[in-house]
Amino acid sequence: MIDSVKKYIENRIQLLKLELISVLANLSANLISSFFISLFIVVIGIMFSFSIAYFIGHYYENTALGFAAVGGIYTVVFLIYMKFIKKNIENKVKDAIVQAAFKAEKEITEKNDE
């Protein structure tokens, strides 16, 4: 009887470890995917920023002025983000992570029930 209980506890611990690994794998996959998407968006944004800066610089015949204008625009956007948007984004990211964890847990539970 004691051996059966020990074996049950060991199996249950192993199952919990596997479930945790599955949840972490799903979260890691989502984070890596999000990282690469963000990286591509940043590179595209940089290219457009250079284009706009050179366009403004060419229009005013002063390249430095074009880059300063784009830098000023980004400074204003950054200040608006820090003042009004940052907390909302943080909450959405936290919610997305929790939802991904619950989704992975639900998938594991459904597989175990089958």
C-alpha atoms as a PDB file:
ATOM      1  CA  MET A   1       0.000   0.000   0.000  1.00  0.00           C
ATOM      2  CA  ILE A   2       2.770   2.456   0.934  1.00  0.00           C
ATOM      3  CA  ASP A   3       4.635   1.605  -2.260  1.00  0.00           C
ATOM      4  CA  SER A   4       1.509   2.385  -4.287  1.00  0.00           C
ATOM      5  CA  VAL A   5       1.116   5.763  -2.581  1.00  0.00           C
ATOM      6  CA  LYS A   6       4.788   6.576  -3.155  1.00  0.00           C
ATOM      7  CA  LYS A   7       4.495   5.575  -6.798  1.00  0.00           C
ATOM      8  CA  TYR A   8       1.333   7.682  -7.177  1.00  0.00           C
ATOM      9  CA  ILE A   9       3.055  10.735  -5.656  1.00  0.00           C
ATOM     10  CA  GLU A  10       6.113  10.249  -7.893  1.00  0.00           C
ATOM     11  CA  ASN A  11       3.881   9.959 -10.969  1.00  0.00           C
ATOM     12  CA  ARG A  12       1.917  13.025  -9.948  1.00  0.00           C
ATOM     13  CA  ILE A  13       5.119  15.045  -9.460  1.00  0.00           C
ATOM     14  CA  GLN A  14       6.369  13.877 -12.864  1.00  0.00           C
ATOM     15  CA  LEU A  15       3.061  14.906 -14.457  1.00  0.00           C
ATOM     16  CA  LEU A  16       3.269  18.369 -12.861  1.00  0.00           C
ATOM     17  CA  LYS A  17       6.834  18.768 -14.129  1.00  0.00           C
ATOM     18  CA  LEU A  18       5.755  17.858 -17.657  1.00  0.00           C
ATOM     19  CA  GLU A  19       2.810  20.263 -17.485  1.00  0.00           C
ATOM     20  CA  LEU A  20       5.118  23.043 -16.296  1.00  0.00           C
ATOM     21  CA  ILE A  21       7.551  22.312 -19.111  1.00  0.00           C
ATOM     22  CA  SER A  22       4.703  22.470 -21.629  1.00  0.00           C
ATOM     23  CA  VAL A  23       3.483  25.814 -20.274  1.00  0.00           C
ATOM     24  CA  LEU A  24       7.015  27.225 -20.321  1.00  0.00           C
ATOM     25  CA  ALA A  25       7.566  25.956 -23.858  1.00  0.00           C
ATOM     26  CA  ASN A  26       4.398  27.682 -25.086  1.00  0.00           C
ATOM     27  CA  LEU A  27       5.309  30.921 -23.315  1.00  0.00           C
ATOM     28  CA  SER A  28       8.854  30.784 -24.672  1.00  0.00           C
ATOM     29  CA  ALA A  29       7.618  30.192 -28.201  1.00  0.00           C
ATOM     30  CA  ASN A  30       5.252  33.153 -27.933  1.00  0.00           C
ATOM     31  CA  LEU A  31       7.998  35.391 -26.522  1.00  0.00           C
ATOM     32  CA  ILE A  32      10.500  34.441 -29.209  1.00  0.00           C
ATOM     33  CA  SER A  33       7.919  34.965 -31.944  1.00  0.00           C
ATOM     34  CA  SER A  34       6.991  38.349 -30.478  1.00  0.00           C
ATOM     35  CA  PHE A  35      10.671  39.281 -30.266  1.00  0.00           C
ATOM     36  CA  PHE A  36      11.266  38.614 -33.961  1.00  0.00           C
ATOM     37  CA  ILE A  37       8.107  40.439 -34.992  1.00  0.00           C
ATOM     38  CA  SER A  38       9.215  43.414 -32.866  1.00  0.00           C
ATOM     39  CA  LEU A  39      12.692  43.268 -34.368  1.00  0.00           C
ATOM     40  CA  PHE A  40      11.310  43.412 -37.915  1.00  0.00           C
ATOM     41  CA  ILE A  41       9.019  46.298 -36.987  1.00  0.00           C
ATOM     42  CA  VAL A  42      11.967  48.215 -35.510  1.00  0.00           C
ATOM     43  CA  VAL A  43      14.104  47.671 -38.627  1.00  0.00           C
ATOM     44  CA  ILE A  44      11.240  48.776 -40.882  1.00  0.00           C
ATOM     45  CA  GLY A  45      10.679  51.807 -38.649  1.00  0.00           C
ATOM     46  CA  ILE A  46      14.354  52.744 -38.823  1.00  0.00           C
ATOM     47  CA  MET A  47      14.321  52.551 -42.616  1.00  0.00           C
ATOM     48  CA  PHE A  48      11.247  54.765 -42.842  1.00  0.00           C
ATOM     49  CA  SER A  49      12.776  57.169 -40.310  1.00  0.00           C
ATOM     50  CA  PHE A  50      15.904  57.560 -42.441  1.00  0.00           C
ATOM     51  CA  SER A  51      13.745  58.079 -45.509  1.00  0.00           C
ATOM     52  CA  ILE A  52      11.657  60.756 -43.823  1.00  0.00           C
ATOM     53  CA  ALA A  53      14.733  62.452 -42.349  1.00  0.00           C
ATOM     54  CA  TYR A  54      16.449  62.612 -45.732  1.00  0.00           C
ATOM     55  CA  PHE A  55      13.236  63.805 -47.378  1.00  0.00           C
ATOM     56  CA  ILE A  56      12.815  66.635 -44.859  1.00  0.00           C
ATOM     57  CA  GLY A  57      16.512  67.445 -45.102  1.00  0.00           C
ATOM     58  CA  HIS A  58      16.376  67.538 -48.885  1.00  0.00           C
ATOM     59  CA  TYR A  59      13.248  69.700 -48.807  1.00  0.00           C
ATOM     60  CA  TYR A  60      14.884  72.272 -46.509  1.00  0.00           C
ATOM     61  CA  GLU A  61      18.348  71.733 -48.040  1.00  0.00           C
ATOM     62  CA  ASN A  62      19.770  70.789 -44.635  1.00  0.00           C
ATOM     63  CA  THR A  63      20.158  67.093 -43.818  1.00  0.00           C
ATOM     64  CA  ALA A  64      20.866  67.769 -40.144  1.00  0.00           C
ATOM     65  CA  LEU A  65      17.552  69.613 -39.867  1.00  0.00           C
ATOM     66  CA  GLY A  66      15.755  66.577 -41.287  1.00  0.00           C
ATOM     67  CA  PHE A  67      17.292  64.234 -38.748  1.00  0.00           C
ATOM     68  CA  ALA A  68      16.638  66.726 -35.935  1.00  0.00           C
ATOM     69  CA  ALA A  69      12.990  66.978 -36.976  1.00  0.00           C
ATOM     70  CA  VAL A  70      12.561  63.192 -36.958  1.00  0.00           C
ATOM     71  CA  GLY A  71      14.347  63.013 -33.601  1.00  0.00           C
ATOM     72  CA  GLY A  72      12.012  65.671 -32.240  1.00  0.00           C
ATOM     73  CA  ILE A  73       8.981  63.754 -33.444  1.00  0.00           C
ATOM     74  CA  TYR A  74      10.256  60.614 -31.717  1.00  0.00           C
ATOM     75  CA  THR A  75      10.924  62.573 -28.528  1.00  0.00           C
ATOM     76  CA  VAL A  76       7.336  63.850 -28.474  1.00  0.00           C
ATOM     77  CA  VAL A  77       5.983  60.341 -29.156  1.00  0.00           C
ATOM     78  CA  PHE A  78       8.184  58.937 -26.360  1.00  0.00           C
ATOM     79  CA  LEU A  79       6.955  61.537 -23.858  1.00  0.00           C
ATOM     80  CA  ILE A  80       3.323  60.847 -24.785  1.00  0.00           C
ATOM     81  CA  TYR A  81       3.957  57.113 -24.363  1.00  0.00           C
ATOM     82  CA  MET A  82       5.576  57.553 -20.950  1.00  0.00           C
ATOM     83  CA  LYS A  83       2.849  59.878 -19.710  1.00  0.00           C
ATOM     84  CA  PHE A  84      -0.311  58.237 -21.028  1.00  0.00           C
ATOM     85  CA  ILE A  85       0.202  54.805 -22.589  1.00  0.00           C
ATOM     86  CA  LYS A  86       2.929  52.911 -20.667  1.00  0.00           C
ATOM     87  CA  LYS A  87       0.748  51.563 -17.841  1.00  0.00           C
ATOM     88  CA  ASN A  88      -1.937  50.368 -20.268  1.00  0.00           C
ATOM     89  CA  ILE A  89       0.611  48.488 -22.399  1.00  0.00           C
ATOM     90  CA  GLU A  90       2.171  46.870 -19.320  1.00  0.00           C
ATOM     91  CA  ASN A  91      -1.233  45.620 -18.178  1.00  0.00           C
ATOM     92  CA  LYS A  92      -2.024  44.210 -21.635  1.00  0.00           C
ATOM     93  CA  VAL A  93       1.308  42.360 -21.750  1.00  0.00           C
ATOM     94  CA  LYS A  94       0.727  40.884 -18.289  1.00  0.00           C
ATOM     95  CA  ASP A  95      -2.782  39.809 -19.286  1.00  0.00           C
ATOM     96  CA  ALA A  96      -1.498  38.216 -22.501  1.00  0.00           C
ATOM     97  CA  ILE A  97       1.107  36.202 -20.592  1.00  0.00           C
ATOM     98  CA  VAL A  98      -1.450  34.990 -18.056  1.00  0.00           C
ATOM     99  CA  GLN A  99      -3.919  34.078 -20.820  1.00  0.00           C
ATOM    100  CA  ALA A 100      -1.216  32.146 -22.686  1.00  0.00           C
ATOM    101  CA  ALA A 101      -0.396  30.218 -19.519  1.00  0.00           C
ATOM    102  CA  PHE A 102      -4.066  29.397 -18.902  1.00  0.00           C
ATOM    103  CA  LYS A 103      -4.520  28.362 -22.538  1.00  0.00           C
ATOM    104  CA  ALA A 104      -1.542  26.013 -22.307  1.00  0.00           C
ATOM    105  CA  GLU A 105      -2.865  24.592 -19.044  1.00  0.00           C
ATOM    106  CA  LYS A 106      -6.308  24.066 -20.601  1.00  0.00           C
ATOM    107  CA  GLU A 107      -4.754  22.230 -23.564  1.00  0.00           C
ATOM    108  CA  ILE A 108      -2.821  19.968 -21.200  1.00  0.00           C
ATOM    109  CA  THR A 109      -5.939  19.261 -19.146  1.00  0.00           C
ATOM    110  CA  GLU A 110      -7.922  18.401 -22.270  1.00  0.00           C
ATOM    111  CA  LYS A 111      -5.153  16.028 -23.448  1.00  0.00           C
ATOM    112  CA  ASN A 112      -5.088  14.330 -20.047  1.00  0.00           C
ATOM    113  CA  ASP A 113      -8.867  13.871 -20.067  1.00  0.00           C
ATOM    114  CA  GLU A 114      -8.791  12.031 -23.404  1.00  0.00           C
END
